[in-house]
Amino acid sequence: MDANYFDLSDDTPVYVISVAAQLSGLHPQTLRQYDRLGLVCPGRTAGRGRLYSTRDILQLREVQRLSQEEGINLAGIKRILELENEALRLREEVHRLRAEMQMVKALIRYELPPGA
């Protein structure tokens, strides 16, 4: 049985804070601080406990790397993450628009009468 059996993706929040802290190599209080600062946005249980996804764990590791290895402060890291997310969103939008443009071109070629 694999994760796909349960329809889990990298964005599925499944790890409680203690497990997420262990996987990311950070203290649970650090995870709470990063949540408050908006550096990571874990899901919530019905009781309002935090649940982290695999993508959250990777982001926590990246925040730690930028802070420790690159010497970037948390405000700078937040801005970097915002810009990276915006760049990703724009790349996805460009991909969608290119596919839409190709479909429109195909329709135009198909609908034009010969010799037009």
N, C-alpha and C. Protein backbone atom coordinates (compact mmCIF):
# COMPACT_ATOMS: atom_id res chain seq x y z
N MET A 1 0.84 -1.18 0.00
CA MET A 1 0.00 0.00 0.00
C MET A 1 0.89 1.25 0.00
N ASP A 2 0.55 2.25 -0.80
CA ASP A 2 1.35 3.47 -0.81
C ASP A 2 0.47 4.68 -0.49
N ALA A 3 1.09 5.86 -0.45
CA ALA A 3 0.37 7.09 -0.10
C ALA A 3 -0.77 7.36 -1.07
N ASN A 4 -0.61 6.97 -2.33
CA ASN A 4 -1.67 7.22 -3.32
C ASN A 4 -2.93 6.44 -2.99
N TYR A 5 -2.79 5.34 -2.27
CA TYR A 5 -3.95 4.56 -1.86
C TYR A 5 -4.90 5.42 -1.03
N PHE A 6 -4.34 6.30 -0.23
CA PHE A 6 -5.13 7.17 0.63
C PHE A 6 -5.39 8.53 -0.02
N ASP A 7 -5.00 8.69 -1.28
CA ASP A 7 -5.18 9.93 -2.02
C ASP A 7 -4.46 11.10 -1.32
N LEU A 8 -3.22 10.86 -0.92
CA LEU A 8 -2.41 11.88 -0.26
C LEU A 8 -1.49 12.54 -1.27
N SER A 9 -1.37 13.84 -1.16
CA SER A 9 -0.42 14.57 -1.99
C SER A 9 0.59 15.24 -1.07
N ASP A 10 1.57 15.92 -1.65
CA ASP A 10 2.56 16.64 -0.86
C ASP A 10 1.93 17.79 -0.06
N ASP A 11 0.71 18.18 -0.46
CA ASP A 11 0.02 19.28 0.22
C ASP A 11 -0.95 18.81 1.29
N THR A 12 -1.11 17.50 1.46
CA THR A 12 -2.05 16.96 2.44
C THR A 12 -1.47 17.11 3.84
N PRO A 13 -2.15 17.85 4.72
CA PRO A 13 -1.63 18.00 6.09
C PRO A 13 -1.87 16.74 6.91
N VAL A 14 -0.79 16.07 7.30
CA VAL A 14 -0.91 14.81 8.03
C VAL A 14 -0.03 14.73 9.28
N TYR A 15 0.98 15.58 9.41
CA TYR A 15 1.93 15.47 10.51
C TYR A 15 1.57 16.42 11.65
N VAL A 16 1.44 15.88 12.86
CA VAL A 16 1.24 16.73 14.03
C VAL A 16 2.54 17.48 14.30
N ILE A 17 2.48 18.50 15.12
CA ILE A 17 3.61 19.40 15.29
C ILE A 17 4.86 18.69 15.81
N SER A 18 4.70 17.70 16.68
CA SER A 18 5.89 17.01 17.21
C SER A 18 6.60 16.23 16.10
N VAL A 19 5.85 15.61 15.22
CA VAL A 19 6.44 14.87 14.11
C VAL A 19 7.05 15.85 13.10
N ALA A 20 6.33 16.92 12.80
CA ALA A 20 6.84 17.93 11.87
C ALA A 20 8.14 18.54 12.40
N ALA A 21 8.21 18.77 13.71
CA ALA A 21 9.42 19.33 14.30
C ALA A 21 10.58 18.35 14.13
N GLN A 22 10.32 17.09 14.36
CA GLN A 22 11.37 16.07 14.22
C GLN A 22 11.82 15.97 12.76
N LEU A 23 10.88 15.96 11.83
CA LEU A 23 11.22 15.83 10.41
C LEU A 23 11.97 17.06 9.89
N SER A 24 11.65 18.22 10.42
CA SER A 24 12.29 19.45 9.94
C SER A 24 13.57 19.78 10.71
N GLY A 25 13.77 19.12 11.84
CA GLY A 25 14.95 19.40 12.64
C GLY A 25 14.82 20.67 13.46
N LEU A 26 13.59 21.12 13.67
CA LEU A 26 13.35 22.35 14.42
C LEU A 26 12.57 22.05 15.70
N HIS A 27 12.59 22.97 16.62
CA HIS A 27 11.84 22.84 17.87
C HIS A 27 10.37 23.17 17.60
N PRO A 28 9.43 22.49 18.26
CA PRO A 28 8.01 22.81 18.05
C PRO A 28 7.67 24.28 18.26
N GLN A 29 8.35 24.93 19.21
CA GLN A 29 8.08 26.36 19.43
C GLN A 29 8.51 27.19 18.22
N THR A 30 9.57 26.76 17.55
CA THR A 30 10.01 27.45 16.32
C THR A 30 8.95 27.31 15.25
N LEU A 31 8.35 26.13 15.12
CA LEU A 31 7.27 25.93 14.15
C LEU A 31 6.09 26.83 14.45
N ARG A 32 5.75 26.97 15.73
CA ARG A 32 4.65 27.87 16.12
C ARG A 32 4.97 29.31 15.75
N GLN A 33 6.23 29.72 15.98
CA GLN A 33 6.64 31.08 15.64
C GLN A 33 6.56 31.31 14.14
N TYR A 34 7.06 30.36 13.36
CA TYR A 34 7.02 30.49 11.90
C TYR A 34 5.58 30.55 11.40
N ASP A 35 4.67 29.83 12.05
CA ASP A 35 3.25 29.89 11.70
C ASP A 35 2.72 31.30 11.99
N ARG A 36 3.01 31.81 13.18
CA ARG A 36 2.54 33.16 13.54
C ARG A 36 3.06 34.21 12.57
N LEU A 37 4.30 34.04 12.11
CA LEU A 37 4.91 35.01 11.18
C LEU A 37 4.47 34.81 9.74
N GLY A 38 3.75 33.71 9.47
CA GLY A 38 3.29 33.45 8.11
C GLY A 38 4.33 32.81 7.21
N LEU A 39 5.39 32.26 7.80
CA LEU A 39 6.42 31.60 7.00
C LEU A 39 5.99 30.22 6.54
N VAL A 40 5.07 29.63 7.26
CA VAL A 40 4.47 28.35 6.90
C VAL A 40 3.02 28.41 7.38
N CYS A 41 2.13 27.79 6.64
CA CYS A 41 0.70 27.83 6.98
C CYS A 41 0.16 26.41 7.08
N PRO A 42 0.34 25.77 8.24
CA PRO A 42 -0.13 24.39 8.38
C PRO A 42 -1.66 24.33 8.40
N GLY A 43 -2.16 23.14 8.10
CA GLY A 43 -3.59 22.91 8.24
C GLY A 43 -3.94 22.87 9.72
N ARG A 44 -5.22 22.72 10.00
CA ARG A 44 -5.68 22.67 11.39
C ARG A 44 -6.60 21.47 11.59
N THR A 45 -6.51 20.91 12.79
CA THR A 45 -7.44 19.85 13.17
C THR A 45 -8.72 20.51 13.65
N ALA A 46 -9.74 19.72 13.92
CA ALA A 46 -10.99 20.26 14.45
C ALA A 46 -10.75 20.98 15.77
N GLY A 47 -9.77 20.50 16.54
CA GLY A 47 -9.43 21.12 17.81
C GLY A 47 -8.43 22.26 17.68
N ARG A 48 -8.15 22.71 16.48
CA ARG A 48 -7.25 23.81 16.13
C ARG A 48 -5.77 23.46 16.26
N GLY A 49 -5.43 22.18 16.43
CA GLY A 49 -4.03 21.77 16.42
C GLY A 49 -3.46 21.89 15.02
N ARG A 50 -2.17 22.09 14.91
CA ARG A 50 -1.53 22.23 13.61
C ARG A 50 -1.26 20.86 12.98
N LEU A 51 -1.48 20.80 11.67
CA LEU A 51 -1.14 19.61 10.89
C LEU A 51 -0.28 20.07 9.71
N TYR A 52 0.88 19.48 9.56
CA TYR A 52 1.83 19.89 8.53
C TYR A 52 1.85 18.88 7.38
N SER A 53 2.04 19.40 6.18
CA SER A 53 2.17 18.57 4.99
C SER A 53 3.64 18.35 4.68
N THR A 54 3.91 17.46 3.74
CA THR A 54 5.29 17.25 3.29
C THR A 54 5.85 18.55 2.71
N ARG A 55 5.02 19.28 1.98
CA ARG A 55 5.47 20.56 1.41
C ARG A 55 5.82 21.55 2.53
N ASP A 56 5.03 21.55 3.62
CA ASP A 56 5.34 22.40 4.77
C ASP A 56 6.69 22.04 5.38
N ILE A 57 6.96 20.75 5.50
CA ILE A 57 8.23 20.29 6.07
C ILE A 57 9.39 20.79 5.21
N LEU A 58 9.26 20.67 3.89
CA LEU A 58 10.31 21.14 2.99
C LEU A 58 10.49 22.65 3.11
N GLN A 59 9.38 23.37 3.28
CA GLN A 59 9.47 24.82 3.42
C GLN A 59 10.14 25.19 4.74
N LEU A 60 9.83 24.46 5.80
CA LEU A 60 10.48 24.70 7.09
C LEU A 60 12.00 24.51 6.97
N ARG A 61 12.40 23.47 6.27
CA ARG A 61 13.83 23.22 6.07
C ARG A 61 14.47 24.35 5.27
N GLU A 62 13.75 24.86 4.27
CA GLU A 62 14.27 25.96 3.46
C GLU A 62 14.39 27.24 4.29
N VAL A 63 13.40 27.50 5.14
CA VAL A 63 13.47 28.67 6.02
C VAL A 63 14.71 28.57 6.91
N GLN A 64 14.91 27.39 7.47
CA GLN A 64 16.07 27.17 8.34
C GLN A 64 17.38 27.36 7.56
N ARG A 65 17.44 26.83 6.34
CA ARG A 65 18.65 26.97 5.53
C ARG A 65 18.93 28.44 5.21
N LEU A 66 17.90 29.16 4.78
CA LEU A 66 18.09 30.58 4.46
C LEU A 66 18.54 31.37 5.68
N SER A 67 17.99 31.03 6.81
CA SER A 67 18.34 31.72 8.05
C SER A 67 19.76 31.38 8.50
N GLN A 68 20.07 30.10 8.59
CA GLN A 68 21.34 29.66 9.14
C GLN A 68 22.51 29.80 8.17
N GLU A 69 22.31 29.34 6.93
CA GLU A 69 23.42 29.31 5.98
C GLU A 69 23.60 30.62 5.23
N GLU A 70 22.48 31.29 4.93
CA GLU A 70 22.55 32.53 4.14
C GLU A 70 22.50 33.78 5.00
N GLY A 71 22.14 33.62 6.29
CA GLY A 71 22.11 34.77 7.19
C GLY A 71 20.98 35.74 6.93
N ILE A 72 19.90 35.27 6.33
CA ILE A 72 18.77 36.13 5.99
C ILE A 72 17.81 36.17 7.18
N ASN A 73 17.33 37.37 7.52
CA ASN A 73 16.40 37.47 8.64
C ASN A 73 15.01 36.97 8.22
N LEU A 74 14.14 36.76 9.20
CA LEU A 74 12.84 36.14 8.92
C LEU A 74 11.96 37.00 8.02
N ALA A 75 12.04 38.31 8.15
CA ALA A 75 11.27 39.19 7.27
C ALA A 75 11.74 39.03 5.82
N GLY A 76 13.04 38.93 5.64
CA GLY A 76 13.59 38.71 4.30
C GLY A 76 13.18 37.37 3.73
N ILE A 77 13.19 36.36 4.60
CA ILE A 77 12.78 35.01 4.17
C ILE A 77 11.32 35.01 3.76
N LYS A 78 10.49 35.71 4.52
CA LYS A 78 9.07 35.78 4.18
C LYS A 78 8.88 36.40 2.80
N ARG A 79 9.64 37.45 2.52
CA ARG A 79 9.54 38.12 1.21
C ARG A 79 10.02 37.20 0.09
N ILE A 80 11.11 36.48 0.34
CA ILE A 80 11.63 35.53 -0.65
C ILE A 80 10.57 34.48 -0.97
N LEU A 81 9.95 33.92 0.07
CA LEU A 81 8.93 32.89 -0.13
C LEU A 81 7.72 33.45 -0.89
N GLU A 82 7.32 34.68 -0.56
CA GLU A 82 6.20 35.31 -1.28
C GLU A 82 6.54 35.46 -2.76
N LEU A 83 7.75 35.92 -3.06
CA LEU A 83 8.15 36.10 -4.45
C LEU A 83 8.26 34.77 -5.19
N GLU A 84 8.77 33.74 -4.51
CA GLU A 84 8.86 32.42 -5.14
C GLU A 84 7.47 31.88 -5.44
N ASN A 85 6.53 32.06 -4.51
CA ASN A 85 5.15 31.60 -4.73
C ASN A 85 4.49 32.36 -5.88
N GLU A 86 4.74 33.66 -5.95
CA GLU A 86 4.19 34.46 -7.04
C GLU A 86 4.79 34.04 -8.38
N ALA A 87 6.09 33.78 -8.41
CA ALA A 87 6.73 33.32 -9.65
C ALA A 87 6.14 31.98 -10.08
N LEU A 88 5.91 31.08 -9.15
CA LEU A 88 5.30 29.79 -9.47
C LEU A 88 3.89 29.99 -10.03
N ARG A 89 3.12 30.85 -9.38
CA ARG A 89 1.75 31.12 -9.85
C ARG A 89 1.77 31.69 -11.27
N LEU A 90 2.70 32.60 -11.53
CA LEU A 90 2.79 33.20 -12.86
C LEU A 90 3.23 32.19 -13.91
N ARG A 91 4.17 31.30 -13.56
CA ARG A 91 4.58 30.25 -14.51
C ARG A 91 3.40 29.34 -14.85
N GLU A 92 2.61 29.00 -13.84
CA GLU A 92 1.44 28.15 -14.08
C GLU A 92 0.43 28.87 -14.97
N GLU A 93 0.26 30.17 -14.75
CA GLU A 93 -0.66 30.97 -15.57
C GLU A 93 -0.17 31.04 -17.02
N VAL A 94 1.13 31.25 -17.21
CA VAL A 94 1.70 31.28 -18.56
C VAL A 94 1.46 29.93 -19.25
N HIS A 95 1.69 28.85 -18.54
CA HIS A 95 1.47 27.51 -19.09
C HIS A 95 0.01 27.34 -19.52
N ARG A 96 -0.91 27.76 -18.65
CA ARG A 96 -2.34 27.65 -18.96
C ARG A 96 -2.70 28.50 -20.18
N LEU A 97 -2.18 29.72 -20.24
CA LEU A 97 -2.49 30.61 -21.37
C LEU A 97 -1.90 30.09 -22.68
N ARG A 98 -0.70 29.51 -22.61
CA ARG A 98 -0.11 28.94 -23.83
C ARG A 98 -0.96 27.79 -24.35
N ALA A 99 -1.43 26.93 -23.44
CA ALA A 99 -2.28 25.81 -23.85
C ALA A 99 -3.58 26.33 -24.46
N GLU A 100 -4.14 27.36 -23.85
CA GLU A 100 -5.37 27.96 -24.37
C GLU A 100 -5.14 28.57 -25.74
N MET A 101 -4.00 29.24 -25.92
CA MET A 101 -3.67 29.86 -27.21
C MET A 101 -3.50 28.79 -28.30
N GLN A 102 -2.87 27.69 -27.95
CA GLN A 102 -2.70 26.60 -28.92
C GLN A 102 -4.07 26.04 -29.33
N MET A 103 -4.98 25.93 -28.38
CA MET A 103 -6.31 25.41 -28.69
C MET A 103 -7.05 26.38 -29.61
N VAL A 104 -6.93 27.67 -29.35
CA VAL A 104 -7.59 28.68 -30.20
C VAL A 104 -7.00 28.64 -31.60
N LYS A 105 -5.67 28.54 -31.71
CA LYS A 105 -5.03 28.44 -33.03
C LYS A 105 -5.52 27.22 -33.79
N ALA A 106 -5.64 26.10 -33.10
CA ALA A 106 -6.11 24.87 -33.74
C ALA A 106 -7.55 25.04 -34.22
N LEU A 107 -8.38 25.69 -33.42
CA LEU A 107 -9.77 25.91 -33.82
C LEU A 107 -9.86 26.83 -35.03
N ILE A 108 -9.01 27.86 -35.06
CA ILE A 108 -9.01 28.79 -36.19
C ILE A 108 -8.59 28.06 -37.47
N ARG A 109 -7.53 27.26 -37.38
CA ARG A 109 -7.09 26.49 -38.56
C ARG A 109 -8.18 25.53 -39.03
N TYR A 110 -8.86 24.94 -38.10
CA TYR A 110 -9.89 23.97 -38.43
C TYR A 110 -11.10 24.63 -39.07
N GLU A 111 -11.46 25.84 -38.61
CA GLU A 111 -12.68 26.49 -39.06
C GLU A 111 -12.50 27.36 -40.30
N LEU A 112 -11.27 27.73 -40.64
CA LEU A 112 -11.06 28.57 -41.81
C LEU A 112 -11.32 27.77 -43.09
N PRO A 113 -12.06 28.34 -44.02
CA PRO A 113 -12.28 27.63 -45.30
C PRO A 113 -10.99 27.59 -46.10
N PRO A 114 -10.83 26.61 -46.97
CA PRO A 114 -9.62 26.51 -47.78
C PRO A 114 -9.41 27.78 -48.60
N GLY A 115 -8.17 28.23 -48.68
CA GLY A 115 -7.81 29.41 -49.46
C GLY A 115 -8.08 30.71 -48.74
N ALA A 116 -8.54 30.66 -47.51
CA ALA A 116 -8.86 31.89 -46.77
C ALA A 116 -7.63 32.53 -46.20
